[in-house]
């Protein structure tokens, strides 16, 4: 299972490598290790995510038909 944020990722990394942290936080080591495996190769760079969305939007064709409102013909 991948982490949903950089903060969660950092917590899971700490818990996966420190048994005392696992006990202190209440997160089982096995769960943390599963998160770390799920995060392998993943980045939490939001700018890259937004750029990918913009690129996908530019690739979508524009529909010339009007949507609702006044008729233009």
N, C-alpha and C. Protein backbone atom coordinates (compact mmCIF):
# COMPACT_ATOMS: atom_id res chain seq x y z
N UNK A 1 0.85 -1.17 0.00
CA UNK A 1 0.00 0.00 0.00
C UNK A 1 0.90 1.23 0.00
N UNK A 2 0.73 2.14 -0.94
CA UNK A 2 1.57 3.33 -0.98
C UNK A 2 1.09 4.41 0.00
N UNK A 3 2.02 5.24 0.42
CA UNK A 3 1.70 6.36 1.31
C UNK A 3 0.96 7.43 0.52
N UNK A 4 0.19 8.25 1.24
CA UNK A 4 -0.56 9.30 0.58
C UNK A 4 0.13 10.66 0.66
N UNK A 5 1.18 10.76 1.49
CA UNK A 5 1.89 12.03 1.60
C UNK A 5 3.35 11.77 1.97
N UNK A 6 4.16 12.81 1.81
CA UNK A 6 5.57 12.71 2.19
C UNK A 6 5.70 12.50 3.70
N UNK A 7 4.85 13.14 4.47
CA UNK A 7 4.88 13.02 5.92
C UNK A 7 4.58 11.57 6.35
N UNK A 8 3.57 10.96 5.74
CA UNK A 8 3.24 9.58 6.05
C UNK A 8 4.38 8.65 5.63
N UNK A 9 4.98 8.92 4.48
CA UNK A 9 6.10 8.12 4.00
C UNK A 9 7.26 8.17 5.00
N UNK A 10 7.58 9.37 5.48
CA UNK A 10 8.68 9.52 6.44
C UNK A 10 8.39 8.76 7.73
N UNK A 11 7.16 8.81 8.20
CA UNK A 11 6.79 8.08 9.41
C UNK A 11 6.95 6.58 9.22
N UNK A 12 6.47 6.08 8.09
CA UNK A 12 6.56 4.64 7.83
C UNK A 12 8.01 4.19 7.67
N UNK A 13 8.84 5.02 7.05
CA UNK A 13 10.27 4.69 6.95
C UNK A 13 10.89 4.58 8.34
N UNK A 14 10.57 5.52 9.21
CA UNK A 14 11.11 5.51 10.56
C UNK A 14 10.66 4.26 11.32
N UNK A 15 9.38 3.97 11.25
CA UNK A 15 8.83 2.82 11.98
C UNK A 15 9.38 1.50 11.43
N UNK A 16 9.57 1.42 10.11
CA UNK A 16 10.06 0.19 9.49
C UNK A 16 11.49 -0.12 9.92
N UNK A 17 12.26 0.91 10.27
CA UNK A 17 13.67 0.71 10.60
C UNK A 17 13.99 0.87 12.08
N UNK A 18 12.99 1.19 12.91
CA UNK A 18 13.24 1.41 14.34
C UNK A 18 12.13 0.76 15.16
N UNK A 19 12.41 -0.41 15.78
CA UNK A 19 11.38 -1.09 16.57
C UNK A 19 10.85 -0.24 17.72
N UNK A 20 11.69 0.60 18.32
CA UNK A 20 11.23 1.45 19.42
C UNK A 20 10.21 2.47 18.91
N UNK A 21 10.43 2.99 17.70
CA UNK A 21 9.49 3.94 17.11
C UNK A 21 8.16 3.25 16.81
N UNK A 22 8.23 1.99 16.41
CA UNK A 22 7.01 1.24 16.14
C UNK A 22 6.17 1.11 17.40
N UNK A 23 6.83 0.83 18.49
CA UNK A 23 6.10 0.70 19.75
C UNK A 23 5.59 2.05 20.22
N UNK A 24 6.38 3.09 20.05
CA UNK A 24 6.01 4.43 20.49
C UNK A 24 4.81 4.98 19.70
N UNK A 25 4.76 4.70 18.41
CA UNK A 25 3.68 5.24 17.57
C UNK A 25 2.46 4.32 17.50
N UNK A 26 2.65 3.05 17.80
CA UNK A 26 1.53 2.11 17.73
C UNK A 26 1.31 1.53 16.35
N UNK A 27 2.23 1.79 15.43
CA UNK A 27 2.13 1.25 14.07
C UNK A 27 2.99 -0.01 14.01
N UNK A 28 2.42 -1.15 13.67
CA UNK A 28 3.21 -2.38 13.57
C UNK A 28 4.31 -2.26 12.51
N UNK A 29 5.46 -2.86 12.79
CA UNK A 29 6.57 -2.82 11.84
C UNK A 29 6.19 -3.45 10.51
N UNK A 30 5.40 -4.52 10.55
CA UNK A 30 5.02 -5.20 9.30
C UNK A 30 4.20 -4.28 8.40
N UNK A 31 3.33 -3.47 9.00
CA UNK A 31 2.51 -2.54 8.23
C UNK A 31 3.40 -1.46 7.61
N UNK A 32 4.34 -0.95 8.40
CA UNK A 32 5.25 0.09 7.91
C UNK A 32 6.10 -0.44 6.76
N UNK A 33 6.57 -1.68 6.88
CA UNK A 33 7.39 -2.26 5.82
C UNK A 33 6.57 -2.43 4.54
N UNK A 34 5.29 -2.75 4.68
CA UNK A 34 4.42 -2.88 3.51
C UNK A 34 4.26 -1.52 2.82
N UNK A 35 4.12 -0.45 3.61
CA UNK A 35 4.03 0.89 3.03
C UNK A 35 5.31 1.26 2.32
N UNK A 36 6.46 0.93 2.92
CA UNK A 36 7.75 1.25 2.32
C UNK A 36 7.90 0.51 0.99
N UNK A 37 7.49 -0.75 0.94
CA UNK A 37 7.53 -1.51 -0.32
C UNK A 37 6.61 -0.86 -1.36
N UNK A 38 5.45 -0.38 -0.93
CA UNK A 38 4.50 0.25 -1.85
C UNK A 38 5.01 1.58 -2.39
N UNK A 39 5.88 2.24 -1.63
CA UNK A 39 6.41 3.55 -2.04
C UNK A 39 7.65 3.45 -2.91
N UNK A 40 8.16 2.26 -3.09
CA UNK A 40 9.41 2.11 -3.83
C UNK A 40 9.28 2.70 -5.24
N UNK A 41 10.18 3.61 -5.59
CA UNK A 41 10.18 4.23 -6.90
C UNK A 41 9.19 5.37 -7.05
N UNK A 42 8.52 5.74 -5.99
CA UNK A 42 7.49 6.79 -6.05
C UNK A 42 8.05 8.09 -5.50
N UNK A 43 7.62 9.21 -6.07
CA UNK A 43 8.00 10.52 -5.55
C UNK A 43 6.76 11.26 -5.10
N UNK A 44 6.95 12.22 -4.25
CA UNK A 44 5.83 13.01 -3.75
C UNK A 44 5.97 14.46 -4.20
N UNK A 45 6.46 14.65 -5.43
CA UNK A 45 6.66 15.98 -5.99
C UNK A 45 5.35 16.44 -6.63
N UNK A 46 4.68 17.38 -5.99
CA UNK A 46 3.38 17.83 -6.47
C UNK A 46 3.49 18.62 -7.77
N UNK A 47 4.61 19.32 -7.95
CA UNK A 47 4.80 20.08 -9.19
C UNK A 47 4.80 19.14 -10.40
N UNK A 48 5.47 18.00 -10.27
CA UNK A 48 5.51 17.04 -11.37
C UNK A 48 4.11 16.51 -11.67
N UNK A 49 3.32 16.31 -10.63
CA UNK A 49 1.95 15.82 -10.80
C UNK A 49 1.11 16.85 -11.57
N UNK A 50 1.24 18.13 -11.20
CA UNK A 50 0.48 19.17 -11.89
C UNK A 50 0.92 19.32 -13.34
N UNK A 51 2.21 19.19 -13.59
CA UNK A 51 2.70 19.27 -14.97
C UNK A 51 2.13 18.12 -15.81
N UNK A 52 2.05 16.93 -15.23
CA UNK A 52 1.50 15.78 -15.94
C UNK A 52 0.02 16.01 -16.26
N UNK A 53 -0.72 16.61 -15.33
CA UNK A 53 -2.13 16.91 -15.57
C UNK A 53 -2.29 17.94 -16.69
N UNK A 54 -1.43 18.98 -16.68
CA UNK A 54 -1.49 19.99 -17.73
C UNK A 54 -1.19 19.38 -19.09
N UNK A 55 -0.20 18.51 -19.13
CA UNK A 55 0.17 17.86 -20.40
C UNK A 55 -0.99 17.01 -20.91
N UNK A 56 -1.66 16.28 -20.01
CA UNK A 56 -2.79 15.45 -20.42
C UNK A 56 -3.95 16.32 -20.92
N UNK A 57 -4.16 17.46 -20.28
CA UNK A 57 -5.24 18.36 -20.70
C UNK A 57 -4.96 18.94 -22.08
N UNK A 58 -3.69 19.26 -22.36
CA UNK A 58 -3.34 19.79 -23.68
C UNK A 58 -3.53 18.74 -24.77
N UNK A 59 -3.38 17.48 -24.43
CA UNK A 59 -3.49 16.41 -25.41
C UNK A 59 -4.95 16.09 -25.75
N UNK A 60 -5.89 16.54 -24.91
CA UNK A 60 -7.30 16.24 -25.14
C UNK A 60 -7.85 17.13 -26.25
N UNK A 61 -8.63 16.57 -27.16
CA UNK A 61 -9.20 17.39 -28.23
C UNK A 61 -10.28 18.33 -27.68
N UNK A 62 -10.41 19.49 -28.30
CA UNK A 62 -11.42 20.47 -27.87
C UNK A 62 -12.67 20.23 -28.70
N UNK A 63 -13.81 20.11 -28.03
CA UNK A 63 -15.08 19.89 -28.69
C UNK A 63 -15.66 21.24 -29.13
N UNK A 64 -15.85 21.47 -30.43
CA UNK A 64 -16.31 22.78 -30.91
C UNK A 64 -17.80 23.02 -30.67
N UNK A 65 -18.55 22.02 -30.29
CA UNK A 65 -19.98 22.21 -30.08
C UNK A 65 -20.24 23.00 -28.80
N UNK A 66 -21.15 23.96 -28.83
CA UNK A 66 -21.45 24.74 -27.62
C UNK A 66 -22.19 23.89 -26.60
N UNK A 67 -21.97 24.21 -25.34
CA UNK A 67 -22.64 23.49 -24.24
C UNK A 67 -23.60 24.41 -23.52
N UNK A 68 -24.88 24.20 -23.72
CA UNK A 68 -25.89 24.95 -23.01
C UNK A 68 -25.87 26.44 -23.32
N UNK A 69 -26.61 27.21 -22.55
CA UNK A 69 -26.61 28.65 -22.75
C UNK A 69 -27.32 29.06 -24.03
N UNK A 70 -26.96 30.24 -24.53
CA UNK A 70 -27.59 30.76 -25.75
C UNK A 70 -27.07 30.01 -26.98
N UNK A 71 -27.96 29.88 -27.94
CA UNK A 71 -27.54 29.27 -29.19
C UNK A 71 -26.82 30.31 -30.02
N UNK A 72 -25.75 29.88 -30.69
CA UNK A 72 -24.92 30.84 -31.41
C UNK A 72 -25.14 30.81 -32.92
N UNK A 73 -26.18 30.16 -33.40
CA UNK A 73 -26.40 30.12 -34.83
C UNK A 73 -27.64 30.83 -35.23
